[in-house]
Amino acid sequence: VACGEFGADMQVHLINDGPVTIPITLRS
């Protein structure tokens, strides 16, 4: 569960980083 929460948290940071990272998070 901790790993899943960490992954979800990273996706939020990546999305907030910029629009270029959005398709990367959706793909992975």
PDB file of N, CA and C in Angstrom:
ATOM      1  N   VAL A   1       0.842  -1.210   0.000  1.00  0.00           N
ATOM      2  CA  VAL A   1       0.000   0.000   0.000  1.00  0.00           C
ATOM      3  C   VAL A   1       0.872   1.253   0.000  1.00  0.00           C
ATOM      4  N   ALA A   2       1.942   1.210   0.772  1.00  0.00           N
ATOM      5  CA  ALA A   2       2.833   2.368   0.856  1.00  0.00           C
ATOM      6  C   ALA A   2       3.422   2.685  -0.516  1.00  0.00           C
ATOM      7  N   CYS A   3       3.756   1.649  -1.257  1.00  0.00           N
ATOM      8  CA  CYS A   3       4.334   1.836  -2.585  1.00  0.00           C
ATOM      9  C   CYS A   3       3.312   2.483  -3.512  1.00  0.00           C
ATOM     10  N   GLY A   4       2.061   2.047  -3.403  1.00  0.00           N
ATOM     11  CA  GLY A   4       1.000   2.612  -4.238  1.00  0.00           C
ATOM     12  C   GLY A   4       0.762   4.078  -3.903  1.00  0.00           C
ATOM     13  N   GLU A   5       0.787   4.394  -2.611  1.00  0.00           N
ATOM     14  CA  GLU A   5       0.584   5.775  -2.194  1.00  0.00           C
ATOM     15  C   GLU A   5       1.738   6.642  -2.695  1.00  0.00           C
ATOM     16  N   PHE A   6       2.940   6.092  -2.650  1.00  0.00           N
ATOM     17  CA  PHE A   6       4.110   6.829  -3.116  1.00  0.00           C
ATOM     18  C   PHE A   6       3.998   7.103  -4.610  1.00  0.00           C
ATOM     19  N   GLY A   7       3.559   6.093  -5.356  1.00  0.00           N
ATOM     20  CA  GLY A   7       3.408   6.249  -6.805  1.00  0.00           C
ATOM     21  C   GLY A   7       2.362   7.302  -7.136  1.00  0.00           C
ATOM     22  N   ALA A   8       1.244   7.281  -6.409  1.00  0.00           N
ATOM     23  CA  ALA A   8       0.185   8.262  -6.645  1.00  0.00           C
ATOM     24  C   ALA A   8       0.698   9.659  -6.318  1.00  0.00           C
ATOM     25  N   ASP A   9       1.481   9.776  -5.254  1.00  0.00           N
ATOM     26  CA  ASP A   9       2.027  11.064  -4.845  1.00  0.00           C
ATOM     27  C   ASP A   9       2.991  11.587  -5.905  1.00  0.00           C
ATOM     28  N   MET A  10       3.786  10.701  -6.478  1.00  0.00           N
ATOM     29  CA  MET A  10       4.732  11.090  -7.517  1.00  0.00           C
ATOM     30  C   MET A  10       3.992  11.572  -8.756  1.00  0.00           C
ATOM     31  N   GLN A  11       2.889  10.923  -9.108  1.00  0.00           N
ATOM     32  CA  GLN A  11       2.112  11.323 -10.280  1.00  0.00           C
ATOM     33  C   GLN A  11       1.599  12.748 -10.111  1.00  0.00           C
ATOM     34  N   VAL A  12       1.173  13.077  -8.891  1.00  0.00           N
ATOM     35  CA  VAL A  12       0.683  14.430  -8.623  1.00  0.00           C
ATOM     36  C   VAL A  12       1.796  15.444  -8.841  1.00  0.00           C
ATOM     37  N   HIS A  13       2.998  15.137  -8.360  1.00  0.00           N
ATOM     38  CA  HIS A  13       4.136  16.039  -8.517  1.00  0.00           C
ATOM     39  C   HIS A  13       4.517  16.175  -9.988  1.00  0.00           C
ATOM     40  N   LEU A  14       4.465  15.067 -10.722  1.00  0.00           N
ATOM     41  CA  LEU A  14       4.816  15.102 -12.137  1.00  0.00           C
ATOM     42  C   LEU A  14       3.813  15.946 -12.913  1.00  0.00           C
ATOM     43  N   ILE A  15       2.529  15.786 -12.591  1.00  0.00           N
ATOM     44  CA  ILE A  15       1.491  16.556 -13.280  1.00  0.00           C
ATOM     45  C   ILE A  15       1.643  18.044 -12.957  1.00  0.00           C
ATOM     46  N   ASN A  16       1.985  18.346 -11.706  1.00  0.00           N
ATOM     47  CA  ASN A  16       2.156  19.736 -11.292  1.00  0.00           C
ATOM     48  C   ASN A  16       3.434  20.327 -11.888  1.00  0.00           C
ATOM     49  N   ASP A  17       4.351  19.457 -12.293  1.00  0.00           N
ATOM     50  CA  ASP A  17       5.621  19.915 -12.833  1.00  0.00           C
ATOM     51  C   ASP A  17       5.420  20.580 -14.191  1.00  0.00           C
ATOM     52  N   GLY A  18       4.486  20.074 -14.976  1.00  0.00           N
ATOM     53  CA  GLY A  18       4.225  20.674 -16.281  1.00  0.00           C
ATOM     54  C   GLY A  18       3.381  19.773 -17.165  1.00  0.00           C
ATOM     55  N   PRO A  19       2.770  20.331 -18.212  1.00  0.00           N
ATOM     56  CA  PRO A  19       1.894  19.575 -19.118  1.00  0.00           C
ATOM     57  C   PRO A  19       2.634  18.485 -19.879  1.00  0.00           C
ATOM     58  N   VAL A  20       3.941  18.626 -20.020  1.00  0.00           N
ATOM     59  CA  VAL A  20       4.721  17.643 -20.770  1.00  0.00           C
ATOM     60  C   VAL A  20       4.784  16.318 -20.019  1.00  0.00           C
ATOM     61  N   THR A  21       4.696  16.381 -18.689  1.00  0.00           N
ATOM     62  CA  THR A  21       4.808  15.169 -17.878  1.00  0.00           C
ATOM     63  C   THR A  21       3.479  14.442 -17.743  1.00  0.00           C
ATOM     64  N   ILE A  22       2.377  15.110 -18.100  1.00  0.00           N
ATOM     65  CA  ILE A  22       1.045  14.502 -17.959  1.00  0.00           C
ATOM     66  C   ILE A  22       0.900  13.229 -18.790  1.00  0.00           C
ATOM     67  N   PRO A  23       1.202  13.249 -20.101  1.00  0.00           N
ATOM     68  CA  PRO A  23       1.067  12.024 -20.901  1.00  0.00           C
ATOM     69  C   PRO A  23       1.998  10.917 -20.417  1.00  0.00           C
ATOM     70  N   ILE A  24       3.118  11.281 -19.807  1.00  0.00           N
ATOM     71  CA  ILE A  24       4.065  10.280 -19.304  1.00  0.00           C
ATOM     72  C   ILE A  24       3.458   9.543 -18.120  1.00  0.00           C
ATOM     73  N   THR A  25       2.811  10.274 -17.216  1.00  0.00           N
ATOM     74  CA  THR A  25       2.204   9.652 -16.043  1.00  0.00           C
ATOM     75  C   THR A  25       1.008   8.810 -16.457  1.00  0.00           C
ATOM     76  N   LEU A  26       0.240   9.274 -17.432  1.00  0.00           N
ATOM     77  CA  LEU A  26      -0.929   8.524 -17.885  1.00  0.00           C
ATOM     78  C   LEU A  26      -0.491   7.244 -18.578  1.00  0.00           C
ATOM     79  N   ARG A  27       0.625   7.307 -19.301  1.00  0.00           N
ATOM     80  CA  ARG A  27       1.120   6.138 -20.026  1.00  0.00           C
ATOM     81  C   ARG A  27       1.662   5.089 -19.065  1.00  0.00           C
ATOM     82  N   SER A  28       2.356   5.537 -18.026  1.00  0.00           N
ATOM     83  CA  SER A  28       2.944   4.610 -17.058  1.00  0.00           C
ATOM     84  C   SER A  28       1.935   4.295 -15.966  1.00  0.00           C
TER      85      SER A  28
END
